[in-house]
Amino acid sequence: MAKQKKVAANIYNESFLKELKQLNLQQRQAVDQIEGPVLVVAGPGTGKTHILSARIGRILMETDAQAHNILCLTFTDAGTHAMRERLLQFIGPEAHKVHIYTFHSFCNKVIQENLEIFGIQQLEPLSELERVEIIRKLIDKLPNVHPLKRGRRDIYFYENHLHHLFQMMKKEHWTAEFLHQQTRQYLEELPSRPEFIYKVKSGRYIKGDVKEGKLQLEREKMERLWEAAVLFEDYTSLLRQHRRYDYEDMILWVIKEFGRYEKLLRYYQEQYLYILVDEFQDTSGAQNDILQLLIKYWQNPNLFIVGDDDQSIYEFQGARLKNILDFHAQYKDHIELVFLQNNYRSSQPILDTAKVLIDHNQKRIASALKVDKTILAKNPNYLQTKILPSIRVYPNRIQEETDILLSIQQLQAQGIPYKEMAVIYARHRQSRALIELLEKRNIPYQTKRRVNILDLPLIQNLRMLLEYIHLEYKSIYKGSHLLFQILHFNFLEVAPKDLIKLSRHIATQEHWLQWRDVIADEELLATLNLENVAAFERFNGLMESIIYEYRNLPLVNILERLINRSGLLRYLLAQPDKVWLLQVVNTFINFVKVEIDRKPRMKLRGLLEVLQKMDANRITISVEKTVQMEEGIHLVTAHSAKGLEYECVFILDAVKDYWEPTRKSPFQFALP
């Protein structure tokens, strides 16, 4: 066995050394610098995942560090998966022992390993509905003259503003005191800021006068922010009372306990001799604080950071660029700075066109560190390309979409497969009209989009069945107004003509008959010459049994019995899009299970109330719908297209409306 392991290790070592030889000069510079702080600015398509994995392999090969002494922090789950896969190719099974986490999963690991310190057992994540209820409790306690309620018809107008502020405070690790300090300083500066001073004479105002109206409006905005920040501690207190936590809380808990228990922090500082961070430009303030705590034990930590400010997705007022520059300044006497400039994904004309655009950005590491960030195309397949980026102008979107469709057909006729084409846009709703055109021309496509299952007829019908059962249990015939609609559900297999016959029979009777009694009357059904009597008998039997067992059946059992015995499951399995429909039903069942975990005594009535409140507050149950047509053209958002490559790409709706967000969301407080 030992001999076999040694042989396997030698094979992986040889494979790894072969990979190292293929690295370019800049990549090799990054990988060879094992000790001390290293900052790698990796342009798009320059192989950052490759060098992260290669550096881990180099550490294991050339130092005494074990796999568990290496911590790699990435921004997304997809990033951890990509790195693990690449590392497996480099070093084999040993890759499973390297600690690769997102910041959140790392903090969760710390918490789970030290529950006696954190003391947070039996906490449940906060649902969107619970979040709404808790924030409204805060608002309800405010006096009517409070800045967040004063003069508002809708007293909950600032509900979403508060939610966004609280999440930002947690993400950036801000306190109310910090916000108050920043607000106070901003207010003191306001009268002297250029935007609040008249540049020319205007009416009774002369050049140099203060714009009092604009100044007063800004002061009122800052007053609202000040008072909103005060509520942050009350919000966190209510979460503790309800035994709930936000997603961002895990990082804050770890920051707090690392500060309180030096031995806890020292344990992880001593364990992780080498730390690597990917997508550093997208780390939040709290995530950066975690990193600083882990490395502060070492004068010159073995910290390897990879990022690119030009690729920042979650930019917040230059804070992400500041994180990179602060790290460079922190270790400026010892840091190794590496720029990866060789791109293996695109042609030079594409890279040059992108550079012309991004050079307009004022806040860039290239300007701050006085370096050249020109990206060079090095993929031999693209060096001789004659395809140049082009800008096409259309009078309206219909003509743009039509031209894209015709261009796709022309490219396919020239031998370029659909799967090598992509249409990129800012938001999924932009693709709807194009999808209709593609379907009319029978052009296959692939896309993913978030769908609220509560809007789907399938779930609406399932909810109506649940509501009928609850109402009929409370009082017989209380759900009669729903039954006629329910009998039209296609999975019940009730013949339309049978419903007509039963409706006609009820209408001709002297005394009004209840639908529940009619479908339960076997003798009556037998005399009306119906096409499918069995459908009524099957449905009635199921309803009677569930209503009878209502108090004895757990909520999940009621739901599962309804799905399995009503014919719904059989119907779904017979549909062309059965995978998607089953995913929808499974998502709904999982939602119910989570709600029961929150409230173990919940009955059907409680579930229906939760769903009604979610409707009222426009809260969704989302699931990702994937359309995966073989050889189809890719329809993707710019966010999800990051890191992918196609032979031909169209950018849809390249106009300000979609690609340039407003200064801030209408549901956010103005910040200093």
Foldseek 3Di string as FASTA:
>chain_A
DVVVVVVLQVVLQVQLVVLLVPQDPLLNVQLVCQDFAAEEAEDAQLQPLVSVLSNLVVCVVPHPAAQQQEEEEEADPVSLVSSLVNNCSRRNPSSVNHHYYHLLVVLVVLCVVCVVLLVQPLFAADDPLNLLVLLVVVLVPDDCCQLCRDPDPPSCLQSLQLVVVLVQCLQQVNALVNQVVQLVVCLVCVQVDPVQFACADDVVRGGGDGNVVVNVVVVSLSSVVSVSRVCNVVSVVVSVVLRHDYSSVSLVSVLVSVVVDVVSLVVLLVSHQAYEYEQQLAGHNSSLSVVCSSQVVDQGGSYHYYHFVLPHPPDDPCVSVVSSVVVCVSPVVTYHYGYRAEHQFAALLVQVVVCVVSVVDPDGVCVVVVHDNRHHYDHPVRDPDPDHDDDDDDPDQVVVLVVVVVVLVVVVVVPFFQAQEEEAEADPVLCPVSVVVCVVVVFFEKEKDKDFLVPDPVVVLLLLLLVLLVLCLVPNCSSQVSVLVNLPPVLLVADPVLSVLVVVVQVPDPDHDGPLVQLVPPVNSVPSPGPCNVSSVQVSVLSVVCSVCQVPDAALVNSVSCCPRSRNLVVLVPDPPSVVVVVSSVLVSVVVVSVCSSPVPDGSVNVSVSVVSCVVVVNGSIDMDIRDDPSHHYYYYPVVCRSPHHPYYHYRPPDCVRPPDDPDDPNHRDGD
